Amino acid sequence: MVQLVEQVTIDFQGTEDGDVIAWATGERLDRDSLNDLTFSHTFDVDEELLDVETIEEIYRANVALSNNGWLQRVYRLLAEGDARAAMDELHSEFPQLRPPQSELNLVLRLGAGGGIAHG
C-alpha cells in the first residue's frame, strides 16, 4: 500500500457542492461569512494500481508544478540565502521531519557554526 495525502480546500462562499451547501444550511451557517477550510486527507492506494504515467502525473501536479508552490518557495528561499525560512517551509510541508531548530542545534554541535553552509 502507498499512502497519498491530498490537500483539500472548501470555499464555502463559492462552492456549488450540494453536500457542502446542505451541511451549511442544516447547521444554520451563513456561507458568506465562513472562511475557506483547508485540510489534508490521507488515503491508501494499492501500488499495483499506479502505473508510471500516473506517478509522473501525481508528481507534476503535487510537487513539480504544485498549486501551493511550496517547492518553488523553498527553492527561492535557498537562493536568497535564507536557509532557516526554507527549513521552516519544508517542515510545514513535511511535519514528520524534525523541527528546523533541532536540525540547527545538531549542526551547531557538529561544529559547522551558525547554520552557514560551507563548501
N, C-alpha and C. Protein backbone atom coordinates (compact mmCIF):
# COMPACT_ATOMS: atom_id res chain seq x y z
N MET A 1 0.82 -1.19 0.00
CA MET A 1 0.00 0.00 0.00
C MET A 1 0.87 1.25 0.00
N VAL A 2 0.40 2.25 -0.67
CA VAL A 2 1.05 3.55 -0.73
C VAL A 2 0.09 4.56 -0.13
N GLN A 3 0.61 5.43 0.73
CA GLN A 3 -0.23 6.47 1.30
C GLN A 3 -0.07 7.74 0.49
N LEU A 4 -1.19 8.31 0.10
CA LEU A 4 -1.19 9.59 -0.60
C LEU A 4 -1.90 10.60 0.29
N VAL A 5 -1.42 11.83 0.26
CA VAL A 5 -2.04 12.90 1.02
C VAL A 5 -2.50 13.96 0.04
N GLU A 6 -3.76 14.29 0.13
CA GLU A 6 -4.32 15.31 -0.76
C GLU A 6 -4.76 16.50 0.10
N GLN A 7 -4.34 17.68 -0.28
CA GLN A 7 -4.78 18.88 0.42
C GLN A 7 -6.09 19.33 -0.22
N VAL A 8 -7.10 19.53 0.62
CA VAL A 8 -8.43 19.88 0.16
C VAL A 8 -8.80 21.25 0.73
N THR A 9 -9.35 22.11 -0.11
CA THR A 9 -9.84 23.41 0.35
C THR A 9 -11.31 23.52 -0.01
N ILE A 10 -12.12 23.86 0.98
CA ILE A 10 -13.54 24.09 0.74
C ILE A 10 -13.78 25.59 0.76
N ASP A 11 -14.24 26.11 -0.36
CA ASP A 11 -14.60 27.52 -0.49
C ASP A 11 -16.10 27.60 -0.24
N PHE A 12 -16.47 27.90 1.00
CA PHE A 12 -17.88 27.90 1.38
C PHE A 12 -18.69 28.92 0.58
N GLN A 13 -18.08 30.04 0.27
CA GLN A 13 -18.80 31.10 -0.42
C GLN A 13 -19.04 30.78 -1.89
N GLY A 14 -18.07 30.13 -2.53
CA GLY A 14 -18.17 29.91 -3.97
C GLY A 14 -18.52 28.49 -4.37
N THR A 15 -18.73 27.61 -3.40
CA THR A 15 -18.96 26.21 -3.75
C THR A 15 -20.31 25.98 -4.41
N GLU A 16 -20.30 25.00 -5.30
CA GLU A 16 -21.55 24.53 -5.90
C GLU A 16 -21.84 23.10 -5.47
N ASP A 17 -21.01 22.60 -4.52
CA ASP A 17 -21.17 21.24 -4.00
C ASP A 17 -22.42 21.17 -3.14
N GLY A 18 -23.38 20.38 -3.57
CA GLY A 18 -24.65 20.27 -2.88
C GLY A 18 -24.53 19.78 -1.45
N ASP A 19 -23.59 18.86 -1.20
CA ASP A 19 -23.40 18.35 0.16
C ASP A 19 -22.90 19.43 1.10
N VAL A 20 -21.96 20.26 0.64
CA VAL A 20 -21.43 21.34 1.47
C VAL A 20 -22.52 22.38 1.73
N ILE A 21 -23.27 22.72 0.70
CA ILE A 21 -24.36 23.69 0.87
C ILE A 21 -25.41 23.16 1.84
N ALA A 22 -25.79 21.87 1.69
CA ALA A 22 -26.78 21.27 2.58
C ALA A 22 -26.28 21.25 4.02
N TRP A 23 -24.99 20.94 4.21
CA TRP A 23 -24.44 20.91 5.56
C TRP A 23 -24.49 22.30 6.20
N ALA A 24 -24.02 23.32 5.46
CA ALA A 24 -24.00 24.68 5.99
C ALA A 24 -25.41 25.16 6.31
N THR A 25 -26.35 24.85 5.42
CA THR A 25 -27.74 25.23 5.64
C THR A 25 -28.30 24.50 6.86
N GLY A 26 -28.03 23.20 6.95
CA GLY A 26 -28.51 22.40 8.08
C GLY A 26 -27.96 22.86 9.41
N GLU A 27 -26.74 23.41 9.40
CA GLU A 27 -26.12 23.92 10.63
C GLU A 27 -26.47 25.39 10.87
N ARG A 28 -27.29 25.96 9.97
CA ARG A 28 -27.73 27.36 10.06
C ARG A 28 -26.53 28.31 10.03
N LEU A 29 -25.60 28.01 9.15
CA LEU A 29 -24.41 28.86 8.99
C LEU A 29 -24.58 29.76 7.78
N ASP A 30 -24.07 30.97 7.90
CA ASP A 30 -24.07 31.91 6.79
C ASP A 30 -22.83 31.64 5.95
N ARG A 31 -23.00 31.02 4.78
CA ARG A 31 -21.85 30.65 3.95
C ARG A 31 -20.99 31.84 3.59
N ASP A 32 -21.61 33.01 3.42
CA ASP A 32 -20.85 34.20 3.02
C ASP A 32 -19.92 34.70 4.11
N SER A 33 -20.15 34.27 5.36
CA SER A 33 -19.29 34.73 6.45
C SER A 33 -18.24 33.68 6.84
N LEU A 34 -18.26 32.53 6.19
CA LEU A 34 -17.31 31.46 6.52
C LEU A 34 -16.02 31.61 5.72
N ASN A 35 -14.90 31.42 6.40
CA ASN A 35 -13.60 31.39 5.72
C ASN A 35 -13.42 30.06 5.03
N ASP A 36 -12.52 30.02 4.06
CA ASP A 36 -12.18 28.75 3.41
C ASP A 36 -11.63 27.79 4.46
N LEU A 37 -11.91 26.52 4.27
CA LEU A 37 -11.40 25.49 5.17
C LEU A 37 -10.43 24.62 4.37
N THR A 38 -9.18 24.53 4.85
CA THR A 38 -8.17 23.71 4.18
C THR A 38 -7.72 22.63 5.14
N PHE A 39 -7.67 21.40 4.64
CA PHE A 39 -7.21 20.28 5.46
C PHE A 39 -6.56 19.25 4.55
N SER A 40 -5.83 18.34 5.15
CA SER A 40 -5.17 17.26 4.41
C SER A 40 -5.92 15.97 4.64
N HIS A 41 -6.09 15.21 3.58
CA HIS A 41 -6.76 13.91 3.66
C HIS A 41 -5.76 12.85 3.21
N THR A 42 -5.54 11.85 4.06
CA THR A 42 -4.62 10.76 3.74
C THR A 42 -5.42 9.53 3.35
N PHE A 43 -5.02 8.91 2.26
CA PHE A 43 -5.71 7.69 1.84
C PHE A 43 -4.70 6.70 1.29
N ASP A 44 -5.06 5.42 1.37
CA ASP A 44 -4.19 4.33 0.92
C ASP A 44 -4.58 3.91 -0.49
N VAL A 45 -3.56 3.65 -1.30
CA VAL A 45 -3.76 3.19 -2.67
C VAL A 45 -2.88 1.96 -2.87
N ASP A 46 -3.42 0.94 -3.50
CA ASP A 46 -2.64 -0.24 -3.83
C ASP A 46 -1.64 0.15 -4.92
N GLU A 47 -0.34 -0.01 -4.64
CA GLU A 47 0.69 0.44 -5.59
C GLU A 47 0.59 -0.25 -6.94
N GLU A 48 -0.05 -1.41 -7.00
CA GLU A 48 -0.20 -2.10 -8.27
C GLU A 48 -1.15 -1.35 -9.21
N LEU A 49 -1.96 -0.46 -8.63
CA LEU A 49 -2.89 0.33 -9.44
C LEU A 49 -2.22 1.56 -10.06
N LEU A 50 -1.00 1.85 -9.63
CA LEU A 50 -0.30 3.03 -10.12
C LEU A 50 0.69 2.64 -11.21
N ASP A 51 0.51 3.20 -12.38
CA ASP A 51 1.48 2.97 -13.44
C ASP A 51 2.43 4.18 -13.49
N VAL A 52 3.45 4.11 -14.30
CA VAL A 52 4.46 5.16 -14.36
C VAL A 52 3.84 6.51 -14.73
N GLU A 53 2.91 6.50 -15.67
CA GLU A 53 2.29 7.75 -16.10
C GLU A 53 1.51 8.40 -14.95
N THR A 54 0.83 7.58 -14.16
CA THR A 54 0.06 8.11 -13.03
C THR A 54 0.99 8.71 -11.99
N ILE A 55 2.08 8.03 -11.70
CA ILE A 55 3.05 8.54 -10.73
C ILE A 55 3.63 9.86 -11.22
N GLU A 56 3.98 9.95 -12.50
CA GLU A 56 4.52 11.19 -13.04
C GLU A 56 3.48 12.30 -12.99
N GLU A 57 2.24 11.98 -13.24
CA GLU A 57 1.17 12.98 -13.17
C GLU A 57 0.99 13.49 -11.75
N ILE A 58 1.02 12.58 -10.78
CA ILE A 58 0.91 12.98 -9.37
C ILE A 58 2.09 13.88 -9.00
N TYR A 59 3.29 13.51 -9.44
CA TYR A 59 4.48 14.32 -9.15
C TYR A 59 4.35 15.72 -9.75
N ARG A 60 3.96 15.78 -11.02
CA ARG A 60 3.83 17.09 -11.68
C ARG A 60 2.78 17.94 -10.99
N ALA A 61 1.64 17.35 -10.63
CA ALA A 61 0.55 18.11 -10.04
C ALA A 61 0.84 18.55 -8.62
N ASN A 62 1.55 17.73 -7.86
CA ASN A 62 1.70 18.00 -6.43
C ASN A 62 3.09 18.44 -6.00
N VAL A 63 4.08 18.28 -6.84
CA VAL A 63 5.43 18.68 -6.45
C VAL A 63 6.02 19.65 -7.46
N ALA A 64 6.24 19.18 -8.68
CA ALA A 64 6.95 19.99 -9.66
C ALA A 64 6.20 21.27 -10.01
N LEU A 65 4.93 21.17 -10.24
CA LEU A 65 4.13 22.34 -10.64
C LEU A 65 3.01 22.59 -9.64
N SER A 66 3.28 22.37 -8.38
CA SER A 66 2.23 22.41 -7.37
C SER A 66 1.55 23.77 -7.32
N ASN A 67 0.25 23.72 -7.09
CA ASN A 67 -0.54 24.96 -7.00
C ASN A 67 -0.14 25.78 -5.77
N ASN A 68 0.19 25.07 -4.68
CA ASN A 68 0.54 25.81 -3.48
C ASN A 68 1.98 26.32 -3.51
N GLY A 69 2.78 25.86 -4.45
CA GLY A 69 4.09 26.42 -4.70
C GLY A 69 5.12 26.23 -3.61
N TRP A 70 4.96 25.23 -2.73
CA TRP A 70 5.91 25.08 -1.63
C TRP A 70 7.32 24.81 -2.13
N LEU A 71 7.46 24.01 -3.18
CA LEU A 71 8.79 23.70 -3.68
C LEU A 71 9.46 24.94 -4.25
N GLN A 72 8.69 25.74 -4.98
CA GLN A 72 9.24 26.97 -5.53
C GLN A 72 9.64 27.94 -4.42
N ARG A 73 8.83 28.02 -3.33
CA ARG A 73 9.17 28.90 -2.22
C ARG A 73 10.46 28.44 -1.54
N VAL A 74 10.59 27.14 -1.32
CA VAL A 74 11.81 26.61 -0.68
C VAL A 74 13.02 26.93 -1.56
N TYR A 75 12.91 26.69 -2.84
CA TYR A 75 14.00 26.95 -3.78
C TYR A 75 14.38 28.44 -3.77
N ARG A 76 13.36 29.30 -3.79
CA ARG A 76 13.62 30.74 -3.77
C ARG A 76 14.30 31.15 -2.47
N LEU A 77 13.81 30.64 -1.33
CA LEU A 77 14.40 30.98 -0.04
C LEU A 77 15.86 30.52 0.04
N LEU A 78 16.15 29.34 -0.49
CA LEU A 78 17.54 28.87 -0.51
C LEU A 78 18.40 29.77 -1.39
N ALA A 79 17.86 30.17 -2.54
CA ALA A 79 18.61 31.05 -3.45
C ALA A 79 18.88 32.40 -2.80
N GLU A 80 17.95 32.85 -1.95
CA GLU A 80 18.12 34.12 -1.25
C GLU A 80 19.03 33.98 -0.03
N GLY A 81 19.45 32.75 0.28
CA GLY A 81 20.33 32.53 1.41
C GLY A 81 19.61 32.42 2.74
N ASP A 82 18.28 32.27 2.71
CA ASP A 82 17.50 32.18 3.95
C ASP A 82 17.19 30.72 4.25
N ALA A 83 18.22 30.00 4.69
CA ALA A 83 18.07 28.57 4.95
C ALA A 83 17.08 28.29 6.07
N ARG A 84 17.03 29.16 7.07
CA ARG A 84 16.09 28.94 8.18
C ARG A 84 14.64 28.98 7.70
N ALA A 85 14.31 29.96 6.88
CA ALA A 85 12.94 30.05 6.35
C ALA A 85 12.64 28.87 5.45
N ALA A 86 13.63 28.43 4.67
CA ALA A 86 13.44 27.27 3.80
C ALA A 86 13.16 26.02 4.63
N MET A 87 13.90 25.86 5.72
CA MET A 87 13.68 24.71 6.61
C MET A 87 12.29 24.78 7.24
N ASP A 88 11.88 25.97 7.66
CA ASP A 88 10.53 26.12 8.23
C ASP A 88 9.47 25.73 7.20
N GLU A 89 9.68 26.15 5.97
CA GLU A 89 8.74 25.83 4.88
C GLU A 89 8.69 24.32 4.66
N LEU A 90 9.85 23.68 4.62
CA LEU A 90 9.89 22.22 4.45
C LEU A 90 9.22 21.52 5.61
N HIS A 91 9.47 22.01 6.83
CA HIS A 91 8.86 21.37 8.00
C HIS A 91 7.34 21.52 7.98
N SER A 92 6.84 22.64 7.51
CA SER A 92 5.39 22.81 7.45
C SER A 92 4.78 21.89 6.40
N GLU A 93 5.53 21.60 5.34
CA GLU A 93 5.03 20.71 4.29
C GLU A 93 5.22 19.25 4.66
N PHE A 94 6.27 18.95 5.42
CA PHE A 94 6.58 17.59 5.85
C PHE A 94 6.75 17.57 7.36
N PRO A 95 5.64 17.59 8.11
CA PRO A 95 5.74 17.68 9.57
C PRO A 95 6.44 16.48 10.21
N GLN A 96 6.61 15.40 9.47
CA GLN A 96 7.31 14.24 10.03
C GLN A 96 8.81 14.50 10.13
N LEU A 97 9.32 15.54 9.47
CA LEU A 97 10.73 15.91 9.61
C LEU A 97 10.95 16.51 10.99
N ARG A 98 12.16 16.38 11.49
CA ARG A 98 12.48 17.02 12.76
C ARG A 98 12.35 18.53 12.59
N PRO A 99 11.96 19.23 13.65
CA PRO A 99 11.84 20.69 13.55
C PRO A 99 13.18 21.32 13.17
N PRO A 100 13.15 22.41 12.40
CA PRO A 100 14.38 23.06 11.97
C PRO A 100 15.31 23.43 13.12
N GLN A 101 14.74 23.82 14.28
CA GLN A 101 15.58 24.18 15.42
C GLN A 101 16.42 22.99 15.86
N SER A 102 15.83 21.79 15.83
CA SER A 102 16.57 20.58 16.22
C SER A 102 17.71 20.33 15.24
N GLU A 103 17.44 20.51 13.95
CA GLU A 103 18.49 20.32 12.95
C GLU A 103 19.59 21.35 13.12
N LEU A 104 19.22 22.60 13.39
CA LEU A 104 20.22 23.64 13.59
C LEU A 104 21.08 23.32 14.81
N ASN A 105 20.46 22.90 15.90
CA ASN A 105 21.22 22.53 17.08
C ASN A 105 22.21 21.41 16.78
N LEU A 106 21.78 20.44 15.98
CA LEU A 106 22.67 19.35 15.61
C LEU A 106 23.86 19.86 14.79
N VAL A 107 23.58 20.73 13.83
CA VAL A 107 24.65 21.30 13.00
C VAL A 107 25.62 22.09 13.87
N LEU A 108 25.11 22.87 14.80
CA LEU A 108 25.98 23.66 15.67
C LEU A 108 26.84 22.77 16.55
N ARG A 109 26.26 21.68 17.05
CA ARG A 109 27.04 20.74 17.88
C ARG A 109 28.14 20.06 17.06
N LEU A 110 27.86 19.84 15.79
CA LEU A 110 28.85 19.18 14.95
C LEU A 110 29.95 20.15 14.50
N GLY A 111 29.74 21.45 14.75
CA GLY A 111 30.80 22.40 14.51
C GLY A 111 30.74 23.17 13.21
N ALA A 112 29.63 23.13 12.47
CA ALA A 112 29.56 23.89 11.23
C ALA A 112 29.46 25.38 11.52
N GLY A 113 28.89 25.73 12.68
CA GLY A 113 28.87 27.13 13.11
C GLY A 113 27.82 27.98 12.46
N GLY A 114 26.86 28.41 13.25
CA GLY A 114 25.88 29.40 12.84
C GLY A 114 24.93 29.01 11.75
N GLY A 115 24.89 27.77 11.36
CA GLY A 115 23.97 27.33 10.34
C GLY A 115 24.34 27.79 8.94
N ILE A 116 25.57 28.27 8.76
CA ILE A 116 26.02 28.73 7.44
C ILE A 116 26.69 27.57 6.72
N ALA A 117 26.24 27.30 5.52
CA ALA A 117 26.83 26.20 4.75
C ALA A 117 28.18 26.62 4.21
N HIS A 118 29.13 25.73 4.33
CA HIS A 118 30.47 25.97 3.77
C HIS A 118 30.72 24.93 2.70
N GLY A 119 31.34 25.28 1.63
CA GLY A 119 31.64 24.27 0.64
C GLY A 119 32.02 24.87 -0.62
